[in-house]
Amino acid sequence: MPVTFWLVQALNGISYGMLLFLLAAGLSLIFGLMKVLNLTHGSFYLLGGYFGLAVIQRTGSFVVAVLTACFAIAIIGVIIERFFLRRLYLEELPQALVTFGFLFIFSDLATVIWGGDPQTMPKPDLFTGSLQLGTFYYPIYRLFIIGFGLAIALLLWWLQDGTRIGAMVRASVDNEEVARAMGIDVSLLFTLVFGFGAFLAALGGVMGGPIVGVYPGADFEILLLGFVVVIIGGLGSLKGSLFGGLLVGLLDTFGKVFFPELALFTIFAPMALILAIRPSGLFGRE
């Protein structure tokens, strides 16, 4: 096969991996800090895509659609954490049942409101068309997604390691009781982290709309891949979410190209191998 084919598929895998990173970063952060197995995270992705589609159809502005959808889903996340999950802290089974219930509720509501047909969000005018890369052309929007994902990764790294709130989050993860004794409002911090995780999931849904579209069932599919990314990378690790997202994106892309009937095997087999060697994930704490 020509080199061009490999380059195109690699770029496709990297761009998809960046979308998975946006989803997995919030999922990993929520579980790493709050120990909440948030199965509603896939719904945040789906609703973000649908909200963004609805806004862009009315305003024509992709930026307005991104901001409106992400903040709307963040508010939904805050409400769920405050009024439903707060009273189930450290109760894994009730948390899983409640968030799984919301997953079905939001899935049905999305189908009722937006219908069962797949829909594609229009690309921003600035990123339509293709760019010549050597001997081939590649969609500008996918290149933008790669750059955008890297920028978000750097921003999250700075927030985690270079800001006061990042230090508070790290302290709460390491020892919640000591963090409370030092005057950190861990309760408020939990709510902010949960809302921020929902924001990131919705961001992935909006940014992925022009590439993979928005359709019923996307919440379950993306949630499964998100958990694979988190398991491979390691819970609570931003670096792990980025590396795991890229790895799963590449495996999923090349798996569907070369082994379409074994596409899931190409993802889960490496995950099983990694867990056999490092049960905590590539960058998780032992």
C-alpha atoms as a PDB file:
ATOM      1  CA  MET A   1       0.000   0.000   0.000  1.00  0.00           C
ATOM      2  CA  PRO A   2       1.234   3.531  -0.739  1.00  0.00           C
ATOM      3  CA  VAL A   3       2.681   5.701   1.999  1.00  0.00           C
ATOM      4  CA  THR A   4      -0.162   8.155   1.448  1.00  0.00           C
ATOM      5  CA  PHE A   5      -2.687   5.560   2.607  1.00  0.00           C
ATOM      6  CA  TRP A   6      -0.836   5.014   5.893  1.00  0.00           C
ATOM      7  CA  LEU A   7      -0.486   8.742   6.524  1.00  0.00           C
ATOM      8  CA  VAL A   8      -4.168   9.430   5.876  1.00  0.00           C
ATOM      9  CA  GLN A   9      -5.312   6.604   8.155  1.00  0.00           C
ATOM     10  CA  ALA A  10      -2.853   7.659  10.858  1.00  0.00           C
ATOM     11  CA  LEU A  11      -4.176  11.225  10.763  1.00  0.00           C
ATOM     12  CA  ASN A  12      -7.737   9.894  10.899  1.00  0.00           C
ATOM     13  CA  GLY A  13      -6.831   7.831  13.957  1.00  0.00           C
ATOM     14  CA  ILE A  14      -5.102  10.745  15.681  1.00  0.00           C
ATOM     15  CA  SER A  15      -8.014  13.125  15.075  1.00  0.00           C
ATOM     16  CA  TYR A  16     -10.488  10.551  16.423  1.00  0.00           C
ATOM     17  CA  GLY A  17      -8.153   9.893  19.340  1.00  0.00           C
ATOM     18  CA  MET A  18      -8.285  13.579  20.258  1.00  0.00           C
ATOM     19  CA  LEU A  19     -12.080  13.374  20.523  1.00  0.00           C
ATOM     20  CA  LEU A  20     -11.724  10.320  22.764  1.00  0.00           C
ATOM     21  CA  PHE A  21      -9.205  12.236  24.870  1.00  0.00           C
ATOM     22  CA  LEU A  22     -11.722  15.024  25.512  1.00  0.00           C
ATOM     23  CA  LEU A  23     -14.222  12.439  26.717  1.00  0.00           C
ATOM     24  CA  ALA A  24     -11.774  10.346  28.734  1.00  0.00           C
ATOM     25  CA  ALA A  25     -10.088  13.295  30.464  1.00  0.00           C
ATOM     26  CA  GLY A  26     -13.329  14.261  32.198  1.00  0.00           C
ATOM     27  CA  LEU A  27     -14.260  10.633  32.896  1.00  0.00           C
ATOM     28  CA  SER A  28     -10.861   9.917  34.436  1.00  0.00           C
ATOM     29  CA  LEU A  29     -10.877  13.119  36.472  1.00  0.00           C
ATOM     30  CA  ILE A  30     -14.330  12.422  37.920  1.00  0.00           C
ATOM     31  CA  PHE A  31     -13.468   8.877  38.936  1.00  0.00           C
ATOM     32  CA  GLY A  32      -9.968   9.753  40.097  1.00  0.00           C
ATOM     33  CA  LEU A  33     -11.188  12.490  42.439  1.00  0.00           C
ATOM     34  CA  MET A  34     -14.748  11.532  43.348  1.00  0.00           C
ATOM     35  CA  LYS A  35     -14.650   7.732  42.891  1.00  0.00           C
ATOM     36  CA  VAL A  36     -17.875   8.050  40.873  1.00  0.00           C
ATOM     37  CA  LEU A  37     -18.372   5.540  38.057  1.00  0.00           C
ATOM     38  CA  ASN A  38     -20.231   8.035  35.875  1.00  0.00           C
ATOM     39  CA  LEU A  39     -22.092   6.064  33.205  1.00  0.00           C
ATOM     40  CA  THR A  40     -23.962   9.240  32.225  1.00  0.00           C
ATOM     41  CA  HIS A  41     -20.751  10.551  30.652  1.00  0.00           C
ATOM     42  CA  GLY A  42     -21.743   9.151  27.257  1.00  0.00           C
ATOM     43  CA  SER A  43     -25.001  11.111  27.482  1.00  0.00           C
ATOM     44  CA  PHE A  44     -23.062  14.331  28.060  1.00  0.00           C
ATOM     45  CA  TYR A  45     -21.219  13.641  24.794  1.00  0.00           C
ATOM     46  CA  LEU A  46     -24.442  12.908  22.884  1.00  0.00           C
ATOM     47  CA  LEU A  47     -26.398  15.848  24.311  1.00  0.00           C
ATOM     48  CA  GLY A  48     -23.466  18.159  23.636  1.00  0.00           C
ATOM     49  CA  GLY A  49     -23.597  17.159  19.970  1.00  0.00           C
ATOM     50  CA  TYR A  50     -27.363  17.598  19.722  1.00  0.00           C
ATOM     51  CA  PHE A  51     -27.382  20.908  21.626  1.00  0.00           C
ATOM     52  CA  GLY A  52     -24.574  22.204  19.444  1.00  0.00           C
ATOM     53  CA  LEU A  53     -26.440  21.122  16.302  1.00  0.00           C
ATOM     54  CA  ALA A  54     -29.615  22.871  17.438  1.00  0.00           C
ATOM     55  CA  VAL A  55     -27.769  26.111  18.247  1.00  0.00           C
ATOM     56  CA  ILE A  56     -25.780  26.210  15.015  1.00  0.00           C
ATOM     57  CA  GLN A  57     -28.955  25.640  13.001  1.00  0.00           C
ATOM     58  CA  ARG A  58     -30.476  28.737  14.599  1.00  0.00           C
ATOM     59  CA  THR A  59     -27.469  31.023  14.870  1.00  0.00           C
ATOM     60  CA  GLY A  60     -25.124  29.792  12.151  1.00  0.00           C
ATOM     61  CA  SER A  61     -22.207  30.287  14.556  1.00  0.00           C
ATOM     62  CA  PHE A  62     -20.034  27.311  15.457  1.00  0.00           C
ATOM     63  CA  VAL A  63     -18.392  29.184  18.342  1.00  0.00           C
ATOM     64  CA  VAL A  64     -21.759  30.066  19.894  1.00  0.00           C
ATOM     65  CA  ALA A  65     -22.843  26.442  19.468  1.00  0.00           C
ATOM     66  CA  VAL A  66     -19.729  25.163  21.268  1.00  0.00           C
ATOM     67  CA  LEU A  67     -20.023  27.570  24.193  1.00  0.00           C
ATOM     68  CA  THR A  68     -23.801  27.191  24.612  1.00  0.00           C
ATOM     69  CA  ALA A  69     -23.787  23.405  24.431  1.00  0.00           C
ATOM     70  CA  CYS A  70     -20.800  22.921  26.731  1.00  0.00           C
ATOM     71  CA  PHE A  71     -22.043  25.252  29.456  1.00  0.00           C
ATOM     72  CA  ALA A  72     -25.577  23.830  29.234  1.00  0.00           C
ATOM     73  CA  ILE A  73     -24.300  20.284  29.705  1.00  0.00           C
ATOM     74  CA  ALA A  74     -21.989  21.433  32.510  1.00  0.00           C
ATOM     75  CA  ILE A  75     -25.050  22.796  34.338  1.00  0.00           C
ATOM     76  CA  ILE A  76     -26.860  19.484  33.839  1.00  0.00           C
ATOM     77  CA  GLY A  77     -23.814  17.728  35.264  1.00  0.00           C
ATOM     78  CA  VAL A  78     -23.763  19.998  38.306  1.00  0.00           C
ATOM     79  CA  ILE A  79     -27.469  19.311  38.962  1.00  0.00           C
ATOM     80  CA  ILE A  80     -26.961  15.539  38.730  1.00  0.00           C
ATOM     81  CA  GLU A  81     -23.984  15.652  41.084  1.00  0.00           C
ATOM     82  CA  ARG A  82     -25.627  17.952  43.629  1.00  0.00           C
ATOM     83  CA  PHE A  83     -29.080  16.399  43.867  1.00  0.00           C
ATOM     84  CA  PHE A  84     -28.522  12.737  42.982  1.00  0.00           C
ATOM     85  CA  LEU A  85     -24.915  11.597  43.395  1.00  0.00           C
ATOM     86  CA  ARG A  86     -23.962  13.662  46.441  1.00  0.00           C
ATOM     87  CA  ARG A  87     -26.033  11.477  48.745  1.00  0.00           C
ATOM     88  CA  LEU A  88     -24.516   8.318  47.221  1.00  0.00           C
ATOM     89  CA  TYR A  89     -20.886   9.197  47.862  1.00  0.00           C
ATOM     90  CA  LEU A  90     -18.635   6.079  47.928  1.00  0.00           C
ATOM     91  CA  GLU A  91     -21.630   3.807  47.219  1.00  0.00           C
ATOM     92  CA  GLU A  92     -20.510   2.276  43.938  1.00  0.00           C
ATOM     93  CA  LEU A  93     -23.551   0.158  43.038  1.00  0.00           C
ATOM     94  CA  PRO A  94     -26.182   2.878  43.655  1.00  0.00           C
ATOM     95  CA  GLN A  95     -23.991   5.356  41.731  1.00  0.00           C
ATOM     96  CA  ALA A  96     -23.747   2.984  38.779  1.00  0.00           C
ATOM     97  CA  LEU A  97     -27.502   2.353  38.792  1.00  0.00           C
ATOM     98  CA  VAL A  98     -28.400   6.054  39.006  1.00  0.00           C
ATOM     99  CA  THR A  99     -25.990   7.151  36.272  1.00  0.00           C
ATOM    100  CA  PHE A 100     -26.987   4.186  34.091  1.00  0.00           C
ATOM    101  CA  GLY A 101     -30.619   5.233  34.537  1.00  0.00           C
ATOM    102  CA  PHE A 102     -29.816   8.774  33.417  1.00  0.00           C
ATOM    103  CA  LEU A 103     -28.013   7.308  30.404  1.00  0.00           C
ATOM    104  CA  PHE A 104     -31.244   5.645  29.247  1.00  0.00           C
ATOM    105  CA  ILE A 105     -33.392   8.664  30.108  1.00  0.00           C
ATOM    106  CA  PHE A 106     -31.235  11.076  28.108  1.00  0.00           C
ATOM    107  CA  SER A 107     -30.967   8.593  25.245  1.00  0.00           C
ATOM    108  CA  ASP A 108     -34.752   8.324  24.966  1.00  0.00           C
ATOM    109  CA  LEU A 109     -35.250  12.082  25.329  1.00  0.00           C
ATOM    110  CA  ALA A 110     -32.719  12.747  22.559  1.00  0.00           C
ATOM    111  CA  THR A 111     -34.546  10.322  20.261  1.00  0.00           C
ATOM    112  CA  VAL A 112     -37.905  11.951  21.003  1.00  0.00           C
ATOM    113  CA  ILE A 113     -36.609  15.497  20.455  1.00  0.00           C
ATOM    114  CA  TRP A 114     -34.197  15.026  17.545  1.00  0.00           C
ATOM    115  CA  GLY A 115     -35.469  11.810  15.953  1.00  0.00           C
ATOM    116  CA  GLY A 116     -33.710   8.587  15.091  1.00  0.00           C
ATOM    117  CA  ASP A 117     -31.867   9.655  11.935  1.00  0.00           C
ATOM    118  CA  PRO A 118     -28.134  10.391  12.015  1.00  0.00           C
ATOM    119  CA  GLN A 119     -27.307  14.076  11.593  1.00  0.00           C
ATOM    120  CA  THR A 120     -24.081  15.832  10.694  1.00  0.00           C
ATOM    121  CA  MET A 121     -23.091  19.199  12.093  1.00  0.00           C
ATOM    122  CA  PRO A 122     -21.791  21.689   9.508  1.00  0.00           C
ATOM    123  CA  LYS A 123     -18.128  22.585   9.734  1.00  0.00           C
ATOM    124  CA  PRO A 124     -17.049  26.149  10.527  1.00  0.00           C
ATOM    125  CA  ASP A 125     -16.502  28.127   7.317  1.00  0.00           C
ATOM    126  CA  LEU A 126     -12.900  28.760   8.314  1.00  0.00           C
ATOM    127  CA  PHE A 127     -12.112  25.024   8.349  1.00  0.00           C
ATOM    128  CA  THR A 128     -13.946  23.741   5.295  1.00  0.00           C
ATOM    129  CA  GLY A 129     -12.046  22.256   2.381  1.00  0.00           C
ATOM    130  CA  SER A 130      -8.729  20.404   2.314  1.00  0.00           C
ATOM    131  CA  LEU A 131      -5.083  21.284   2.723  1.00  0.00           C
ATOM    132  CA  GLN A 132      -2.300  19.853   0.582  1.00  0.00           C
ATOM    133  CA  LEU A 133       0.212  17.859   2.616  1.00  0.00           C
ATOM    134  CA  GLY A 134       2.946  16.774   0.266  1.00  0.00           C
ATOM    135  CA  THR A 135       1.357  14.531  -2.333  1.00  0.00           C
ATOM    136  CA  PHE A 136      -2.135  14.316  -0.851  1.00  0.00           C
ATOM    137  CA  TYR A 137      -4.959  16.496   0.399  1.00  0.00           C
ATOM    138  CA  TYR A 138      -6.397  16.219   3.881  1.00  0.00           C
ATOM    139  CA  PRO A 139      -9.503  17.844   5.471  1.00  0.00           C
ATOM    140  CA  ILE A 140      -8.612  21.054   7.269  1.00  0.00           C
ATOM    141  CA  TYR A 141     -11.154  20.417  10.020  1.00  0.00           C
ATOM    142  CA  ARG A 142      -9.506  17.145  11.049  1.00  0.00           C
ATOM    143  CA  LEU A 143      -6.154  18.930  11.259  1.00  0.00           C
ATOM    144  CA  PHE A 144      -7.850  21.573  13.384  1.00  0.00           C
ATOM    145  CA  ILE A 145      -9.191  18.858  15.716  1.00  0.00           C
ATOM    146  CA  ILE A 146      -5.651  17.512  16.203  1.00  0.00           C
ATOM    147  CA  GLY A 147      -4.292  20.964  17.041  1.00  0.00           C
ATOM    148  CA  PHE A 148      -7.298  21.783  19.215  1.00  0.00           C
ATOM    149  CA  GLY A 149      -6.925  18.550  21.180  1.00  0.00           C
ATOM    150  CA  LEU A 150      -3.249  19.236  21.827  1.00  0.00           C
ATOM    151  CA  ALA A 151      -4.098  22.776  22.963  1.00  0.00           C
ATOM    152  CA  ILE A 152      -6.725  21.439  25.389  1.00  0.00           C
ATOM    153  CA  ALA A 153      -4.209  18.889  26.704  1.00  0.00           C
ATOM    154  CA  LEU A 154      -1.695  21.664  27.404  1.00  0.00           C
ATOM    155  CA  LEU A 155      -4.407  23.788  29.043  1.00  0.00           C
ATOM    156  CA  LEU A 156      -5.478  20.919  31.294  1.00  0.00           C
ATOM    157  CA  TRP A 157      -1.865  20.187  32.181  1.00  0.00           C
ATOM    158  CA  TRP A 158      -1.404  23.838  33.184  1.00  0.00           C
ATOM    159  CA  LEU A 159      -4.638  23.845  35.200  1.00  0.00           C
ATOM    160  CA  GLN A 160      -3.582  20.673  36.986  1.00  0.00           C
ATOM    161  CA  ASP A 161       0.053  21.508  37.714  1.00  0.00           C
ATOM    162  CA  GLY A 162       0.274  25.285  37.506  1.00  0.00           C
ATOM    163  CA  THR A 163      -2.769  26.692  39.285  1.00  0.00           C
ATOM    164  CA  ARG A 164      -4.091  26.845  42.837  1.00  0.00           C
ATOM    165  CA  ILE A 165      -7.262  24.957  41.988  1.00  0.00           C
ATOM    166  CA  GLY A 166      -5.146  22.235  40.404  1.00  0.00           C
ATOM    167  CA  ALA A 167      -3.155  21.931  43.625  1.00  0.00           C
ATOM    168  CA  MET A 168      -6.418  21.679  45.560  1.00  0.00           C
ATOM    169  CA  VAL A 169      -7.636  18.903  43.273  1.00  0.00           C
ATOM    170  CA  ARG A 170      -4.374  16.987  43.639  1.00  0.00           C
ATOM    171  CA  ALA A 171      -4.487  17.384  47.405  1.00  0.00           C
ATOM    172  CA  SER A 172      -8.074  16.122  47.522  1.00  0.00           C
ATOM    173  CA  VAL A 173      -7.154  13.114  45.388  1.00  0.00           C
ATOM    174  CA  ASP A 174      -4.158  12.236  47.577  1.00  0.00           C
ATOM    175  CA  ASN A 175      -5.926  12.629  50.928  1.00  0.00           C
ATOM    176  CA  GLU A 176      -9.439  14.019  51.179  1.00  0.00           C
ATOM    177  CA  GLU A 177      -9.482  14.237  54.983  1.00  0.00           C
ATOM    178  CA  VAL A 178      -6.247  16.235  55.124  1.00  0.00           C
ATOM    179  CA  ALA A 179      -7.542  18.510  52.344  1.00  0.00           C
ATOM    180  CA  ARG A 180     -10.675  19.234  54.368  1.00  0.00           C
ATOM    181  CA  ALA A 181      -8.555  19.918  57.465  1.00  0.00           C
ATOM    182  CA  MET A 182      -6.535  22.449  55.455  1.00  0.00           C
ATOM    183  CA  GLY A 183      -9.719  24.383  54.700  1.00  0.00           C
ATOM    184  CA  ILE A 184     -10.373  23.152  51.163  1.00  0.00           C
ATOM    185  CA  ASP A 185     -14.095  23.025  50.356  1.00  0.00           C
ATOM    186  CA  VAL A 186     -13.971  19.507  48.938  1.00  0.00           C
ATOM    187  CA  SER A 187     -17.735  19.416  48.460  1.00  0.00           C
ATOM    188  CA  LEU A 188     -17.679  22.449  46.164  1.00  0.00           C
ATOM    189  CA  LEU A 189     -14.577  21.112  44.451  1.00  0.00           C
ATOM    190  CA  PHE A 190     -16.375  17.848  43.679  1.00  0.00           C
ATOM    191  CA  THR A 191     -19.241  19.744  42.076  1.00  0.00           C
ATOM    192  CA  LEU A 192     -16.902  21.885  39.972  1.00  0.00           C
ATOM    193  CA  VAL A 193     -14.913  18.853  38.820  1.00  0.00           C
ATOM    194  CA  PHE A 194     -18.062  16.960  37.867  1.00  0.00           C
ATOM    195  CA  GLY A 195     -19.380  19.943  35.934  1.00  0.00           C
ATOM    196  CA  PHE A 196     -16.013  20.403  34.223  1.00  0.00           C
ATOM    197  CA  GLY A 197     -15.961  16.730  33.254  1.00  0.00           C
ATOM    198  CA  ALA A 198     -19.418  17.126  31.696  1.00  0.00           C
ATOM    199  CA  PHE A 199     -18.134  20.253  29.902  1.00  0.00           C
ATOM    200  CA  LEU A 200     -15.266  18.282  28.350  1.00  0.00           C
ATOM    201  CA  ALA A 201     -17.566  15.448  27.261  1.00  0.00           C
ATOM    202  CA  ALA A 202     -19.939  17.932  25.601  1.00  0.00           C
ATOM    203  CA  LEU A 203     -16.968  19.622  23.954  1.00  0.00           C
ATOM    204  CA  GLY A 204     -16.021  16.283  22.421  1.00  0.00           C
ATOM    205  CA  GLY A 205     -19.597  15.834  21.194  1.00  0.00           C
ATOM    206  CA  VAL A 206     -19.745  19.233  19.513  1.00  0.00           C
ATOM    207  CA  MET A 207     -16.265  19.056  17.993  1.00  0.00           C
ATOM    208  CA  GLY A 208     -16.906  15.529  16.764  1.00  0.00           C
ATOM    209  CA  GLY A 209     -20.256  16.414  15.182  1.00  0.00           C
ATOM    210  CA  PRO A 210     -18.815  17.418  11.789  1.00  0.00           C
ATOM    211  CA  ILE A 211     -16.669  14.238  11.667  1.00  0.00           C
ATOM    212  CA  VAL A 212     -18.636  11.320  13.117  1.00  0.00           C
ATOM    213  CA  GLY A 213     -22.073  12.957  13.220  1.00  0.00           C
ATOM    214  CA  VAL A 214     -24.713  12.787  15.953  1.00  0.00           C
ATOM    215  CA  TYR A 215     -26.994   9.773  16.141  1.00  0.00           C
ATOM    216  CA  PRO A 216     -28.904   7.606  18.629  1.00  0.00           C
ATOM    217  CA  GLY A 217     -26.617   5.084  20.255  1.00  0.00           C
ATOM    218  CA  ALA A 218     -23.512   7.262  20.024  1.00  0.00           C
ATOM    219  CA  ASP A 219     -23.648   7.698  23.806  1.00  0.00           C
ATOM    220  CA  PHE A 220     -23.234   3.962  24.436  1.00  0.00           C
ATOM    221  CA  GLU A 221     -20.534   3.550  21.785  1.00  0.00           C
ATOM    222  CA  ILE A 222     -18.433   6.487  22.933  1.00  0.00           C
ATOM    223  CA  LEU A 223     -18.844   5.556  26.612  1.00  0.00           C
ATOM    224  CA  LEU A 224     -17.436   2.089  25.937  1.00  0.00           C
ATOM    225  CA  LEU A 225     -14.429   3.526  24.107  1.00  0.00           C
ATOM    226  CA  GLY A 226     -13.994   6.152  26.820  1.00  0.00           C
ATOM    227  CA  PHE A 227     -13.704   3.466  29.493  1.00  0.00           C
ATOM    228  CA  VAL A 228     -11.186   1.584  27.351  1.00  0.00           C
ATOM    229  CA  VAL A 229      -9.092   4.760  27.084  1.00  0.00           C
ATOM    230  CA  VAL A 230      -9.226   5.357  30.841  1.00  0.00           C
ATOM    231  CA  ILE A 231      -8.370   1.739  31.645  1.00  0.00           C
ATOM    232  CA  ILE A 232      -5.412   1.718  29.257  1.00  0.00           C
ATOM    233  CA  GLY A 233      -4.083   5.111  30.323  1.00  0.00           C
ATOM    234  CA  GLY A 234      -4.727   4.779  34.049  1.00  0.00           C
ATOM    235  CA  LEU A 235      -7.366   6.328  36.279  1.00  0.00           C
ATOM    236  CA  GLY A 236      -6.815   9.956  37.193  1.00  0.00           C
ATOM    237  CA  SER A 237      -3.926  10.428  34.743  1.00  0.00           C
ATOM    238  CA  LEU A 238      -4.183  13.257  32.214  1.00  0.00           C
ATOM    239  CA  LYS A 239      -1.156  11.903  30.360  1.00  0.00           C
ATOM    240  CA  GLY A 240      -2.793   8.480  30.346  1.00  0.00           C
ATOM    241  CA  SER A 241      -6.017   9.885  28.873  1.00  0.00           C
ATOM    242  CA  LEU A 242      -4.094  11.570  26.055  1.00  0.00           C
ATOM    243  CA  PHE A 243      -1.915   8.566  25.250  1.00  0.00           C
ATOM    244  CA  GLY A 244      -4.797   6.122  25.658  1.00  0.00           C
ATOM    245  CA  GLY A 245      -7.060   8.232  23.430  1.00  0.00           C
ATOM    246  CA  LEU A 246      -4.462   8.335  20.655  1.00  0.00           C
ATOM    247  CA  LEU A 247      -3.775   4.608  20.964  1.00  0.00           C
ATOM    248  CA  VAL A 248      -7.451   3.624  20.866  1.00  0.00           C
ATOM    249  CA  GLY A 249      -8.134   6.071  18.027  1.00  0.00           C
ATOM    250  CA  LEU A 250      -5.368   4.526  15.923  1.00  0.00           C
ATOM    251  CA  LEU A 251      -6.352   0.948  16.800  1.00  0.00           C
ATOM    252  CA  ASP A 252     -10.001   1.633  16.003  1.00  0.00           C
ATOM    253  CA  THR A 253      -9.192   3.290  12.667  1.00  0.00           C
ATOM    254  CA  PHE A 254      -6.726   0.688  11.408  1.00  0.00           C
ATOM    255  CA  GLY A 255      -8.816  -2.142  12.844  1.00  0.00           C
ATOM    256  CA  LYS A 256     -11.863  -1.067  10.843  1.00  0.00           C
ATOM    257  CA  VAL A 257      -9.739  -0.735   7.702  1.00  0.00           C
ATOM    258  CA  PHE A 258      -7.911  -4.076   7.851  1.00  0.00           C
ATOM    259  CA  PHE A 259     -10.144  -6.232  10.082  1.00  0.00           C
ATOM    260  CA  PRO A 260     -13.687  -4.787   9.952  1.00  0.00           C
ATOM    261  CA  GLU A 261     -15.184  -8.012  11.322  1.00  0.00           C
ATOM    262  CA  LEU A 262     -12.693  -7.957  14.231  1.00  0.00           C
ATOM    263  CA  ALA A 263     -12.729  -4.212  14.916  1.00  0.00           C
ATOM    264  CA  LEU A 264     -13.545  -4.586  18.623  1.00  0.00           C
ATOM    265  CA  PHE A 265     -10.910  -7.301  19.015  1.00  0.00           C
ATOM    266  CA  THR A 266      -8.200  -4.906  17.840  1.00  0.00           C
ATOM    267  CA  ILE A 267      -9.149  -2.587  20.720  1.00  0.00           C
ATOM    268  CA  PHE A 268      -9.874  -4.990  23.563  1.00  0.00           C
ATOM    269  CA  ALA A 269      -7.012  -7.414  22.943  1.00  0.00           C
ATOM    270  CA  PRO A 270      -4.319  -4.721  23.512  1.00  0.00           C
ATOM    271  CA  MET A 271      -6.295  -3.491  26.534  1.00  0.00           C
ATOM    272  CA  ALA A 272      -6.257  -6.995  28.053  1.00  0.00           C
ATOM    273  CA  LEU A 273      -2.534  -7.300  27.350  1.00  0.00           C
ATOM    274  CA  ILE A 274      -1.748  -3.963  28.982  1.00  0.00           C
ATOM    275  CA  LEU A 275      -3.836  -4.828  32.055  1.00  0.00           C
ATOM    276  CA  ALA A 276      -2.060  -8.176  32.351  1.00  0.00           C
ATOM    277  CA  ILE A 277       1.270  -6.337  32.506  1.00  0.00           C
ATOM    278  CA  ARG A 278       0.185  -3.190  34.355  1.00  0.00           C
ATOM    279  CA  PRO A 279      -3.179  -3.586  36.138  1.00  0.00           C
ATOM    280  CA  SER A 280      -3.255   0.125  36.995  1.00  0.00           C
ATOM    281  CA  GLY A 281      -2.840   1.180  33.356  1.00  0.00           C
ATOM    282  CA  LEU A 282       0.146   2.658  31.561  1.00  0.00           C
ATOM    283  CA  PHE A 283       0.293   5.840  33.652  1.00  0.00           C
ATOM    284  CA  GLY A 284      -1.846   4.892  36.652  1.00  0.00           C
ATOM    285  CA  ARG A 285      -0.588   4.678  40.179  1.00  0.00           C
ATOM    286  CA  GLU A 286       0.487   1.263  41.343  1.00  0.00           C
END
